C-alpha atoms as a PDB file:
ATOM      1  CA  MET A   1       4.381 -40.286  23.872  1.00  0.00           C
ATOM      2  CA  GLY A   2       5.777 -37.571  26.856  1.00  0.00           C
ATOM      3  CA  GLY A   3       2.913 -35.232  27.651  1.00  0.00           C
ATOM      4  CA  SER A   4       5.312 -32.167  26.910  1.00  0.00           C
ATOM      5  CA  GLU A   5       6.030 -33.218  23.141  1.00  0.00           C
ATOM      6  CA  ARG A   6       3.647 -31.558  20.292  1.00  0.00           C
ATOM      7  CA  VAL A   7       1.989 -34.565  18.659  1.00  0.00           C
ATOM      8  CA  THR A   8       2.667 -34.165  14.552  1.00  0.00           C
ATOM      9  CA  LEU A   9       1.674 -35.181  11.148  1.00  0.00           C
ATOM     10  CA  LYS A  10       3.846 -38.026  11.376  1.00  0.00           C
ATOM     11  CA  ASP A  11       2.652 -39.268  14.597  1.00  0.00           C
ATOM     12  CA  VAL A  12      -0.960 -39.358  13.061  1.00  0.00           C
ATOM     13  CA  ALA A  13       0.562 -41.033   9.874  1.00  0.00           C
ATOM     14  CA  ALA A  14       2.244 -43.681  11.859  1.00  0.00           C
ATOM     15  CA  ALA A  15      -1.337 -44.278  13.956  1.00  0.00           C
ATOM     16  CA  SER A  16      -3.402 -44.024  10.908  1.00  0.00           C
ATOM     17  CA  GLY A  17      -1.410 -46.190   8.546  1.00  0.00           C
ATOM     18  CA  VAL A  18      -0.921 -43.523   5.917  1.00  0.00           C
ATOM     19  CA  SER A  19       1.653 -41.442   4.627  1.00  0.00           C
ATOM     20  CA  ARG A  20       2.058 -37.917   5.936  1.00  0.00           C
ATOM     21  CA  ALA A  21       1.018 -36.410   2.792  1.00  0.00           C
ATOM     22  CA  THR A  22      -2.212 -38.311   3.051  1.00  0.00           C
ATOM     23  CA  VAL A  23      -2.757 -37.094   6.837  1.00  0.00           C
ATOM     24  CA  SER A  24      -2.125 -33.318   5.705  1.00  0.00           C
ATOM     25  CA  PHE A  25      -4.638 -34.021   2.662  1.00  0.00           C
ATOM     26  CA  VAL A  26      -7.474 -35.263   4.840  1.00  0.00           C
ATOM     27  CA  LEU A  27      -6.849 -32.689   7.490  1.00  0.00           C
ATOM     28  CA  ASN A  28      -6.329 -29.626   5.526  1.00  0.00           C
ATOM     29  CA  ASP A  29      -9.744 -30.884   3.190  1.00  0.00           C
ATOM     30  CA  ASP A  30      -7.721 -30.485   0.138  1.00  0.00           C
ATOM     31  CA  PRO A  31     -10.363 -30.904  -2.674  1.00  0.00           C
ATOM     32  CA  ASN A  32      -8.154 -32.203  -5.320  1.00  0.00           C
ATOM     33  CA  GLN A  33      -7.386 -35.299  -3.707  1.00  0.00           C
ATOM     34  CA  THR A  34      -9.050 -38.516  -3.773  1.00  0.00           C
ATOM     35  CA  ILE A  35      -9.297 -40.231  -0.727  1.00  0.00           C
ATOM     36  CA  SER A  36     -11.959 -42.721   0.563  1.00  0.00           C
ATOM     37  CA  ALA A  37     -14.194 -41.664   3.342  1.00  0.00           C
ATOM     38  CA  THR A  38     -12.718 -44.573   5.247  1.00  0.00           C
ATOM     39  CA  THR A  39      -9.150 -43.505   5.351  1.00  0.00           C
ATOM     40  CA  ARG A  40     -10.630 -39.995   5.998  1.00  0.00           C
ATOM     41  CA  GLU A  41     -12.359 -40.801   9.149  1.00  0.00           C
ATOM     42  CA  ARG A  42      -9.490 -42.818  10.062  1.00  0.00           C
ATOM     43  CA  VAL A  43      -7.011 -40.357   9.970  1.00  0.00           C
ATOM     44  CA  ARG A  44      -9.297 -37.926  11.946  1.00  0.00           C
ATOM     45  CA  GLN A  45      -9.868 -40.558  14.529  1.00  0.00           C
ATOM     46  CA  ALA A  46      -6.122 -40.994  14.702  1.00  0.00           C
ATOM     47  CA  ALA A  47      -5.667 -37.200  15.152  1.00  0.00           C
ATOM     48  CA  ARG A  48      -8.339 -37.025  18.021  1.00  0.00           C
ATOM     49  CA  ASP A  49      -7.405 -39.871  20.131  1.00  0.00           C
ATOM     50  CA  LEU A  50      -3.923 -38.285  19.863  1.00  0.00           C
ATOM     51  CA  GLY A  51      -4.774 -34.816  20.416  1.00  0.00           C
ATOM     52  CA  TYR A  52      -3.197 -33.619  17.451  1.00  0.00           C
ATOM     53  CA  VAL A  53      -3.086 -29.629  17.072  1.00  0.00           C
ATOM     54  CA  PRO A  54      -2.327 -27.783  13.918  1.00  0.00           C
ATOM     55  CA  HIS A  55       1.119 -26.263  14.347  1.00  0.00           C
ATOM     56  CA  GLY A  56      -0.367 -22.538  13.695  1.00  0.00           C
ATOM     57  CA  VAL A  57      -3.621 -23.075  16.137  1.00  0.00           C
ATOM     58  CA  ALA A  58      -1.218 -24.446  19.109  1.00  0.00           C
ATOM     59  CA  ARG A  59       1.102 -21.732  18.717  1.00  0.00           C
ATOM     60  CA  ALA A  60      -1.857 -19.553  18.808  1.00  0.00           C
ATOM     61  CA  LEU A  61      -2.707 -20.954  21.870  1.00  0.00           C
ATOM     62  CA  ARG A  62       0.654 -20.731  23.209  1.00  0.00           C
ATOM     63  CA  GLU A  63       0.991 -17.086  22.490  1.00  0.00           C
ATOM     64  CA  GLY A  64      -2.280 -15.855  23.245  1.00  0.00           C
ATOM     65  CA  ALA A  65      -2.353 -14.492  19.706  1.00  0.00           C
ATOM     66  CA  SER A  66      -2.617 -15.733  15.972  1.00  0.00           C
ATOM     67  CA  ARG A  67       0.336 -15.506  13.899  1.00  0.00           C
ATOM     68  CA  VAL A  68      -1.606 -13.417  11.361  1.00  0.00           C
ATOM     69  CA  VAL A  69      -1.073  -9.466  10.858  1.00  0.00           C
ATOM     70  CA  VAL A  70      -3.738  -7.131   9.660  1.00  0.00           C
ATOM     71  CA  LEU A  71      -3.222  -4.543   7.325  1.00  0.00           C
ATOM     72  CA  ASN A  72      -6.082  -2.097   6.609  1.00  0.00           C
ATOM     73  CA  ILE A  73      -5.436  -0.172   3.737  1.00  0.00           C
ATOM     74  CA  ASP A  74      -8.015   3.035   2.919  1.00  0.00           C
ATOM     75  CA  TRP A  75      -9.803   3.454  -0.414  1.00  0.00           C
ATOM     76  CA  GLY A  76      -7.725   6.059  -2.492  1.00  0.00           C
ATOM     77  CA  LEU A  77      -4.135   4.577  -1.350  1.00  0.00           C
ATOM     78  CA  GLU A  78      -3.498   2.059  -3.871  1.00  0.00           C
ATOM     79  CA  GLY A  79      -0.620   2.088  -6.516  1.00  0.00           C
ATOM     80  CA  ASN A  80       2.518   1.496  -6.984  1.00  0.00           C
ATOM     81  CA  TYR A  81       3.435   2.651  -3.246  1.00  0.00           C
ATOM     82  CA  SER A  82       0.933   0.433  -1.905  1.00  0.00           C
ATOM     83  CA  ARG A  83       1.958  -2.620  -3.971  1.00  0.00           C
ATOM     84  CA  SER A  84       5.559  -2.328  -3.037  1.00  0.00           C
ATOM     85  CA  TYR A  85       4.862  -1.644   0.459  1.00  0.00           C
ATOM     86  CA  VAL A  86       2.519  -4.972   0.902  1.00  0.00           C
ATOM     87  CA  ARG A  87       5.188  -6.917  -0.821  1.00  0.00           C
ATOM     88  CA  GLY A  88       7.859  -6.011   1.692  1.00  0.00           C
ATOM     89  CA  LEU A  89       5.309  -6.266   4.495  1.00  0.00           C
ATOM     90  CA  ASP A  90       4.212  -9.629   3.636  1.00  0.00           C
ATOM     91  CA  ASP A  91       7.979 -11.214   2.411  1.00  0.00           C
ATOM     92  CA  GLU A  92       9.153  -9.868   5.850  1.00  0.00           C
ATOM     93  CA  LEU A  93       6.307 -11.387   7.817  1.00  0.00           C
ATOM     94  CA  ALA A  94       6.708 -14.513   6.031  1.00  0.00           C
ATOM     95  CA  ALA A  95      10.455 -14.852   6.969  1.00  0.00           C
ATOM     96  CA  HIS A  96       9.461 -14.642  10.744  1.00  0.00           C
ATOM     97  CA  ASP A  97       6.580 -17.331  10.186  1.00  0.00           C
ATOM     98  CA  HIS A  98       3.843 -14.917   9.763  1.00  0.00           C
ATOM     99  CA  ILE A  99       1.055 -14.381   7.655  1.00  0.00           C
ATOM    100  CA  LEU A 100      -0.360 -10.996   6.610  1.00  0.00           C
ATOM    101  CA  LEU A 101      -4.190 -10.140   5.931  1.00  0.00           C
ATOM    102  CA  VAL A 102      -5.098  -7.440   3.991  1.00  0.00           C
ATOM    103  CA  ARG A 103      -8.387  -5.035   4.143  1.00  0.00           C
ATOM    104  CA  HIS A 104      -9.212  -3.001   1.657  1.00  0.00           C
ATOM    105  CA  GLY A 105     -11.591   0.245   2.643  1.00  0.00           C
ATOM    106  CA  HIS A 106     -12.817   2.459   5.737  1.00  0.00           C
ATOM    107  CA  HIS A 107     -12.276   0.843   8.926  1.00  0.00           C
ATOM    108  CA  THR A 108     -13.923   1.829  11.960  1.00  0.00           C
ATOM    109  CA  PRO A 109     -12.871   0.775  15.244  1.00  0.00           C
ATOM    110  CA  PRO A 110     -15.904  -1.729  15.618  1.00  0.00           C
ATOM    111  CA  GLU A 111     -15.136  -3.291  12.469  1.00  0.00           C
ATOM    112  CA  THR A 112     -11.510  -3.863  13.814  1.00  0.00           C
ATOM    113  CA  GLN A 113     -12.820  -4.951  17.178  1.00  0.00           C
ATOM    114  CA  ARG A 114     -14.795  -7.670  15.206  1.00  0.00           C
ATOM    115  CA  VAL A 115     -11.218  -8.790  13.588  1.00  0.00           C
ATOM    116  CA  LEU A 116      -9.547  -8.515  16.789  1.00  0.00           C
ATOM    117  CA  ASP A 117     -12.416 -10.884  18.312  1.00  0.00           C
ATOM    118  CA  ALA A 118     -12.574 -13.091  15.354  1.00  0.00           C
ATOM    119  CA  ILE A 119      -8.713 -14.161  14.606  1.00  0.00           C
ATOM    120  CA  ARG A 120      -6.986 -12.454  17.605  1.00  0.00           C
ATOM    121  CA  PRO A 121      -4.278 -11.046  15.204  1.00  0.00           C
ATOM    122  CA  ARG A 122      -0.840 -10.425  16.501  1.00  0.00           C
ATOM    123  CA  ALA A 123      -1.399  -6.951  15.080  1.00  0.00           C
ATOM    124  CA  VAL A 124      -3.736  -4.572  12.980  1.00  0.00           C
ATOM    125  CA  ILE A 125      -1.645  -1.974  11.006  1.00  0.00           C
ATOM    126  CA  ARG A 126      -2.749   1.135   9.350  1.00  0.00           C
ATOM    127  CA  PHE A 127      -0.999   1.088   5.928  1.00  0.00           C
ATOM    128  CA  ALA A 128       2.107   3.419   5.923  1.00  0.00           C
ATOM    129  CA  GLU A 129       1.299   5.199   8.683  1.00  0.00           C
ATOM    130  CA  PRO A 130       4.641   6.804   9.506  1.00  0.00           C
ATOM    131  CA  TYR A 131       4.611   7.712   5.937  1.00  0.00           C
ATOM    132  CA  LEU A 132       1.240   9.311   6.001  1.00  0.00           C
ATOM    133  CA  THR A 133       1.615  11.493   9.080  1.00  0.00           C
ATOM    134  CA  GLY A 134       5.006  12.661   8.417  1.00  0.00           C
ATOM    135  CA  HIS A 135       7.699  10.314  10.171  1.00  0.00           C
ATOM    136  CA  ASP A 136       9.616   7.388   8.021  1.00  0.00           C
ATOM    137  CA  LEU A 137      12.018   4.928   8.760  1.00  0.00           C
ATOM    138  CA  GLU A 138      14.663   6.757  11.080  1.00  0.00           C
ATOM    139  CA  ASP A 139      13.348  10.179   9.971  1.00  0.00           C
ATOM    140  CA  ARG A 140      11.449  12.259  12.412  1.00  0.00           C
ATOM    141  CA  GLY A 141      11.735  15.798  10.367  1.00  0.00           C
ATOM    142  CA  GLY A 142       8.483  15.858   8.860  1.00  0.00           C
ATOM    143  CA  GLY A 143       9.093  13.041   6.454  1.00  0.00           C
ATOM    144  CA  TRP A 144      11.743  15.215   4.570  1.00  0.00           C
ATOM    145  CA  LYS A 145      14.209  12.239   4.326  1.00  0.00           C
ATOM    146  CA  ASP A 146      12.222   9.473   2.413  1.00  0.00           C
ATOM    147  CA  GLY A 147       8.704  10.132   3.654  1.00  0.00           C
ATOM    148  CA  LEU A 148       5.640  11.850   2.003  1.00  0.00           C
ATOM    149  CA  ALA A 149       7.261  15.651   2.537  1.00  0.00           C
ATOM    150  CA  ALA A 150      10.485  14.435   0.629  1.00  0.00           C
ATOM    151  CA  HIS A 151       8.584  13.025  -2.392  1.00  0.00           C
ATOM    152  CA  SER A 152       6.174  15.569  -2.827  1.00  0.00           C
ATOM    153  CA  ALA A 153       9.380  18.051  -2.639  1.00  0.00           C
ATOM    154  CA  LEU A 154      10.639  15.716  -5.736  1.00  0.00           C
ATOM    155  CA  GLN A 155       7.686  16.388  -7.935  1.00  0.00           C
ATOM    156  CA  ILE A 156       7.498  20.424  -7.530  1.00  0.00           C
ATOM    157  CA  ARG A 157      11.279  20.693  -7.788  1.00  0.00           C
ATOM    158  CA  HIS A 158      11.247  18.806 -10.767  1.00  0.00           C
ATOM    159  CA  LEU A 159       8.282  21.500 -12.194  1.00  0.00           C
ATOM    160  CA  ALA A 160      10.132  24.202 -10.933  1.00  0.00           C
ATOM    161  CA  GLU A 161      13.959  23.206 -12.932  1.00  0.00           C
ATOM    162  CA  ARG A 162      11.793  23.272 -16.085  1.00  0.00           C
ATOM    163  CA  GLY A 163      10.901  26.912 -15.282  1.00  0.00           C
ATOM    164  CA  HIS A 164       7.486  26.848 -13.872  1.00  0.00           C
ATOM    165  CA  GLN A 165       7.191  29.308 -11.170  1.00  0.00           C
ATOM    166  CA  HIS A 166       3.079  28.772 -11.262  1.00  0.00           C
ATOM    167  CA  ILE A 167       2.357  25.529 -10.171  1.00  0.00           C
ATOM    168  CA  ALA A 168      -1.000  23.851  -9.070  1.00  0.00           C
ATOM    169  CA  LEU A 169      -1.631  20.907  -7.009  1.00  0.00           C
ATOM    170  CA  ALA A 170      -4.624  18.402  -8.926  1.00  0.00           C
ATOM    171  CA  LEU A 171      -6.585  16.509  -5.975  1.00  0.00           C
ATOM    172  CA  PRO A 172      -8.872  13.726  -5.916  1.00  0.00           C
ATOM    173  CA  GLU A 173     -12.253  14.245  -4.782  1.00  0.00           C
ATOM    174  CA  GLY A 174     -13.846  12.865  -1.653  1.00  0.00           C
ATOM    175  CA  GLU A 175     -12.085  12.664   1.502  1.00  0.00           C
ATOM    176  CA  ASN A 176      -8.302  11.304   1.847  1.00  0.00           C
ATOM    177  CA  PRO A 177      -6.347  10.895   4.281  1.00  0.00           C
ATOM    178  CA  VAL A 178      -3.102  12.349   2.556  1.00  0.00           C
ATOM    179  CA  ALA A 179      -4.640  15.040   0.676  1.00  0.00           C
ATOM    180  CA  GLY A 180      -4.360  17.742   3.520  1.00  0.00           C
ATOM    181  CA  ALA A 181      -0.436  16.829   4.021  1.00  0.00           C
ATOM    182  CA  ARG A 182       0.260  17.072   0.748  1.00  0.00           C
ATOM    183  CA  LEU A 183      -1.188  20.613   0.723  1.00  0.00           C
ATOM    184  CA  ARG A 184       0.749  21.477   3.611  1.00  0.00           C
ATOM    185  CA  PHE A 185       4.362  20.022   2.396  1.00  0.00           C
ATOM    186  CA  VAL A 186       3.676  21.644  -1.192  1.00  0.00           C
ATOM    187  CA  ALA A 187       3.054  24.713   0.442  1.00  0.00           C
ATOM    188  CA  GLN A 188       6.527  24.532   1.864  1.00  0.00           C
ATOM    189  CA  ILE A 189       8.337  23.455  -0.812  1.00  0.00           C
ATOM    190  CA  ALA A 190       6.897  26.330  -2.941  1.00  0.00           C
ATOM    191  CA  GLY A 191       8.180  29.012  -0.293  1.00  0.00           C
ATOM    192  CA  ARG A 192      11.983  27.268   0.016  1.00  0.00           C
ATOM    193  CA  LEU A 193      11.970  27.265  -3.952  1.00  0.00           C
ATOM    194  CA  GLY A 194      11.023  30.559  -4.131  1.00  0.00           C
ATOM    195  CA  LEU A 195       7.526  29.703  -5.969  1.00  0.00           C
ATOM    196  CA  ALA A 196       4.204  31.740  -6.187  1.00  0.00           C
ATOM    197  CA  SER A 197       2.141  30.646  -3.735  1.00  0.00           C
ATOM    198  CA  LEU A 198       0.548  27.156  -5.187  1.00  0.00           C
ATOM    199  CA  THR A 199      -3.220  26.806  -5.626  1.00  0.00           C
ATOM    200  CA  SER A 200      -5.377  23.522  -5.867  1.00  0.00           C
ATOM    201  CA  PHE A 201      -8.327  22.294  -7.986  1.00  0.00           C
ATOM    202  CA  VAL A 202     -10.029  18.834  -7.796  1.00  0.00           C
ATOM    203  CA  ALA A 203     -10.160  16.791 -10.608  1.00  0.00           C
ATOM    204  CA  SER A 204     -13.642  15.211 -10.300  1.00  0.00           C
ATOM    205  CA  ARG A 205     -15.506  12.293 -11.822  1.00  0.00           C
ATOM    206  CA  PRO A 206     -16.769  11.869 -14.060  1.00  0.00           C
ATOM    207  CA  ARG A 207     -14.808  12.578 -17.247  1.00  0.00           C
ATOM    208  CA  THR A 208     -17.376  15.854 -18.198  1.00  0.00           C
ATOM    209  CA  ALA A 209     -16.870  16.975 -14.776  1.00  0.00           C
ATOM    210  CA  SER A 210     -13.409  16.812 -14.782  1.00  0.00           C
ATOM    211  CA  ALA A 211     -13.050  18.969 -18.252  1.00  0.00           C
ATOM    212  CA  ARG A 212     -15.417  21.163 -16.457  1.00  0.00           C
ATOM    213  CA  ALA A 213     -12.934  21.616 -13.369  1.00  0.00           C
ATOM    214  CA  VAL A 214      -9.654  22.287 -15.368  1.00  0.00           C
ATOM    215  CA  GLU A 215     -11.637  24.528 -17.740  1.00  0.00           C
ATOM    216  CA  GLU A 216     -13.147  27.110 -14.902  1.00  0.00           C
ATOM    217  CA  PHE A 217      -9.592  26.388 -12.629  1.00  0.00           C
ATOM    218  CA  ARG A 218      -7.504  27.512 -16.187  1.00  0.00           C
ATOM    219  CA  THR A 219      -9.972  30.594 -16.185  1.00  0.00           C
ATOM    220  CA  ALA A 220      -9.537  31.805 -12.946  1.00  0.00           C
ATOM    221  CA  HIS A 221      -5.785  31.240 -12.729  1.00  0.00           C
ATOM    222  CA  PRO A 222      -4.453  31.695 -16.447  1.00  0.00           C
ATOM    223  CA  GLU A 223      -1.120  32.133 -14.653  1.00  0.00           C
ATOM    224  CA  VAL A 224      -0.585  28.806 -13.893  1.00  0.00           C
ATOM    225  CA  THR A 225       1.798  26.469 -16.143  1.00  0.00           C
ATOM    226  CA  ALA A 226       1.904  23.042 -14.458  1.00  0.00           C
ATOM    227  CA  VAL A 227      -0.072  20.767 -12.495  1.00  0.00           C
ATOM    228  CA  ALA A 228       1.467  18.305  -9.634  1.00  0.00           C
ATOM    229  CA  ALA A 229      -0.664  15.629  -9.798  1.00  0.00           C
ATOM    230  CA  PHE A 230      -1.852  13.824  -6.278  1.00  0.00           C
ATOM    231  CA  ASN A 231      -1.351  10.524  -8.018  1.00  0.00           C
ATOM    232  CA  ASP A 232      -1.394   9.159 -11.204  1.00  0.00           C
ATOM    233  CA  ASP A 233      -5.161   8.631 -11.806  1.00  0.00           C
ATOM    234  CA  VAL A 234      -5.837  12.148 -11.216  1.00  0.00           C
ATOM    235  CA  ALA A 235      -2.965  13.225 -13.539  1.00  0.00           C
ATOM    236  CA  LEU A 236      -4.566  11.202 -16.283  1.00  0.00           C
ATOM    237  CA  ARG A 237      -7.812  12.477 -15.685  1.00  0.00           C
ATOM    238  CA  THR A 238      -6.530  15.717 -16.219  1.00  0.00           C
ATOM    239  CA  VAL A 239      -4.747  14.936 -18.993  1.00  0.00           C
ATOM    240  CA  THR A 240      -7.764  13.766 -20.434  1.00  0.00           C
ATOM    241  CA  ALA A 241      -9.629  16.916 -19.728  1.00  0.00           C
ATOM    242  CA  LEU A 242      -7.227  18.913 -21.554  1.00  0.00           C
ATOM    243  CA  HIS A 243      -7.521  16.555 -24.674  1.00  0.00           C
ATOM    244  CA  ASP A 244     -11.546  16.882 -24.460  1.00  0.00           C
ATOM    245  CA  LEU A 245     -10.958  21.061 -24.256  1.00  0.00           C
ATOM    246  CA  GLY A 246      -8.722  21.037 -27.211  1.00  0.00           C
ATOM    247  CA  LEU A 247      -5.923  21.316 -25.198  1.00  0.00           C
ATOM    248  CA  SER A 248      -2.777  19.339 -24.599  1.00  0.00           C
ATOM    249  CA  ALA A 249       0.227  18.850 -22.193  1.00  0.00           C
ATOM    250  CA  PRO A 250       2.638  19.903 -21.731  1.00  0.00           C
ATOM    251  CA  GLY A 251       1.850  22.194 -24.635  1.00  0.00           C
ATOM    252  CA  ASP A 252      -0.813  24.101 -22.890  1.00  0.00           C
ATOM    253  CA  LEU A 253      -0.119  22.944 -19.407  1.00  0.00           C
ATOM    254  CA  ALA A 254       2.305  20.730 -18.217  1.00  0.00           C
ATOM    255  CA  VAL A 255       1.036  17.691 -15.925  1.00  0.00           C
ATOM    256  CA  MET A 256       3.149  15.498 -13.710  1.00  0.00           C
ATOM    257  CA  GLY A 257       2.152  12.365 -11.946  1.00  0.00           C
ATOM    258  CA  TYR A 258       2.857  10.640  -8.712  1.00  0.00           C
ATOM    259  CA  ASP A 259       3.294   7.216  -8.050  1.00  0.00           C
ATOM    260  CA  ASP A 260       4.130   5.796 -11.487  1.00  0.00           C
ATOM    261  CA  THR A 261       1.200   3.572 -12.041  1.00  0.00           C
ATOM    262  CA  GLU A 262       1.544   1.313 -15.340  1.00  0.00           C
ATOM    263  CA  TYR A 263      -1.148   3.276 -17.102  1.00  0.00           C
ATOM    264  CA  GLY A 264       0.865   5.894 -16.993  1.00  0.00           C
ATOM    265  CA  ALA A 265       3.066   4.863 -19.404  1.00  0.00           C
ATOM    266  CA  LEU A 266       0.681   3.532 -21.808  1.00  0.00           C
ATOM    267  CA  MET A 267      -1.110   6.957 -22.366  1.00  0.00           C
ATOM    268  CA  THR A 268      -0.316   9.793 -25.245  1.00  0.00           C
ATOM    269  CA  PRO A 269       1.560  11.684 -23.768  1.00  0.00           C
ATOM    270  CA  ALA A 270       3.077   9.254 -21.446  1.00  0.00           C
ATOM    271  CA  LEU A 271       3.050  10.596 -18.006  1.00  0.00           C
ATOM    272  CA  THR A 272       5.964  11.972 -15.941  1.00  0.00           C
ATOM    273  CA  THR A 273       5.566  10.933 -12.608  1.00  0.00           C
ATOM    274  CA  VAL A 274       7.390   9.999  -9.082  1.00  0.00           C
ATOM    275  CA  HIS A 275       8.366   6.359  -8.916  1.00  0.00           C
ATOM    276  CA  ILE A 276       8.632   5.526  -5.047  1.00  0.00           C
ATOM    277  CA  ASP A 277       9.719   1.479  -3.955  1.00  0.00           C
ATOM    278  CA  ALA A 278       8.249   1.233  -0.461  1.00  0.00           C
ATOM    279  CA  GLU A 279       9.469  -2.387  -0.095  1.00  0.00           C
ATOM    280  CA  ALA A 280      11.931  -1.297   2.715  1.00  0.00           C
ATOM    281  CA  HIS A 281       8.423   0.852   4.299  1.00  0.00           C
ATOM    282  CA  GLY A 282       6.984  -2.734   4.671  1.00  0.00           C
ATOM    283  CA  ARG A 283       9.672  -4.369   5.855  1.00  0.00           C
ATOM    284  CA  LEU A 284      10.436  -1.736   8.399  1.00  0.00           C
ATOM    285  CA  ALA A 285       6.681  -2.178   9.610  1.00  0.00           C
ATOM    286  CA  ALA A 286       7.104  -5.820   9.852  1.00  0.00           C
ATOM    287  CA  ARG A 287       9.903  -5.667  11.993  1.00  0.00           C
ATOM    288  CA  THR A 288       8.413  -2.983  14.578  1.00  0.00           C
ATOM    289  CA  THR A 289       5.156  -4.755  14.919  1.00  0.00           C
ATOM    290  CA  LEU A 290       7.406  -8.046  15.786  1.00  0.00           C
ATOM    291  CA  GLY A 291       9.817  -6.131  17.991  1.00  0.00           C
ATOM    292  CA  LEU A 292      12.698  -6.770  15.661  1.00  0.00           C
ATOM    293  CA  ASP A 293      15.883  -4.928  14.658  1.00  0.00           C
ATOM    294  CA  ALA A 294      15.461  -2.980  11.677  1.00  0.00           C
ATOM    295  CA  SER A 295      18.737  -1.153  11.178  1.00  0.00           C
ATOM    296  CA  ASP A 296      19.956  -2.553   8.316  1.00  0.00           C
ATOM    297  CA  LEU A 297      17.185  -1.340   6.326  1.00  0.00           C
ATOM    298  CA  GLU A 298      17.965   1.494   3.840  1.00  0.00           C
ATOM    299  CA  PRO A 299      14.775   2.504   1.393  1.00  0.00           C
ATOM    300  CA  VAL A 300      15.343   2.625  -2.369  1.00  0.00           C
ATOM    301  CA  PRO A 301      15.569   6.768  -3.381  1.00  0.00           C
ATOM    302  CA  ALA A 302      12.463   8.037  -5.176  1.00  0.00           C
ATOM    303  CA  ARG A 303      13.085   8.974  -8.754  1.00  0.00           C
ATOM    304  CA  VAL A 304      11.296  11.277 -11.137  1.00  0.00           C
ATOM    305  CA  ILE A 305      10.371   8.860 -14.303  1.00  0.00           C
ATOM    306  CA  VAL A 306      10.510  11.778 -17.138  1.00  0.00           C
ATOM    307  CA  ARG A 307       8.362  11.055 -19.909  1.00  0.00           C
ATOM    308  CA  ASP A 308       6.421  13.215 -22.346  1.00  0.00           C
ATOM    309  CA  SER A 309       3.680  15.219 -20.084  1.00  0.00           C
ATOM    310  CA  ALA A 310       5.882  17.725 -18.374  1.00  0.00           C
END
């Protein structure tokens, strides 16, 4: 063979006298295939003699990085948005011969560096960073086109259109990279809609703590008639807290979720929420990472799923 030609599985198969499939099974250590030790060694020896290098490894050596893209997702951001975002990112990367590796949790710079050292990824992406920081797709106006601001406005506007002038934002406990941005955006939205200044409370865990938080908040703010929850999880805790207090949604307090998880449709009352399809956002992240044109990408508009809780 010419020195510039890459050795293929077909070449290894011909040299070892077995099929290409057998070579693939041996070199990938497929545990579901029964291949004799003699045949396995013959295939491996042929691969060594020919200088066979797996395609992905050869490409990584040539390009100086693997075709792996790492996605870091912070705790507390899992939901319909993240699922559709990952689906779009994964599909788009696969279409361009890359592989997605998803890491959940809090990621410190040293931890990220260990990943870089171990697998030399093409890139490391922070989940939905443009969305979380207020810039989304071609929108540079604070996410008011298809970002966090626009979707927060959709939630508040729905409640306002149903006559609620005093609305509270229910937040998750602990640190969350989105909570501060949501508070800023809903304050702007309330001002634009002529609503009273929005208040907030933390829907704590466990269940008894959540009930106590809702009871204390209602005592301090009896004028509030609706809750815009940070996500469906927080909304479910709020509705459960009302039930434990002998109250109901929407009779005593309208409660609206955000991000449309499957559990919201299963509870009673079923949860009114905001549905966001982020597949285009994931595809955009993939193309931006790979340096490809993304002008043809159009996001699916977010929409309110009207059920019984608000």
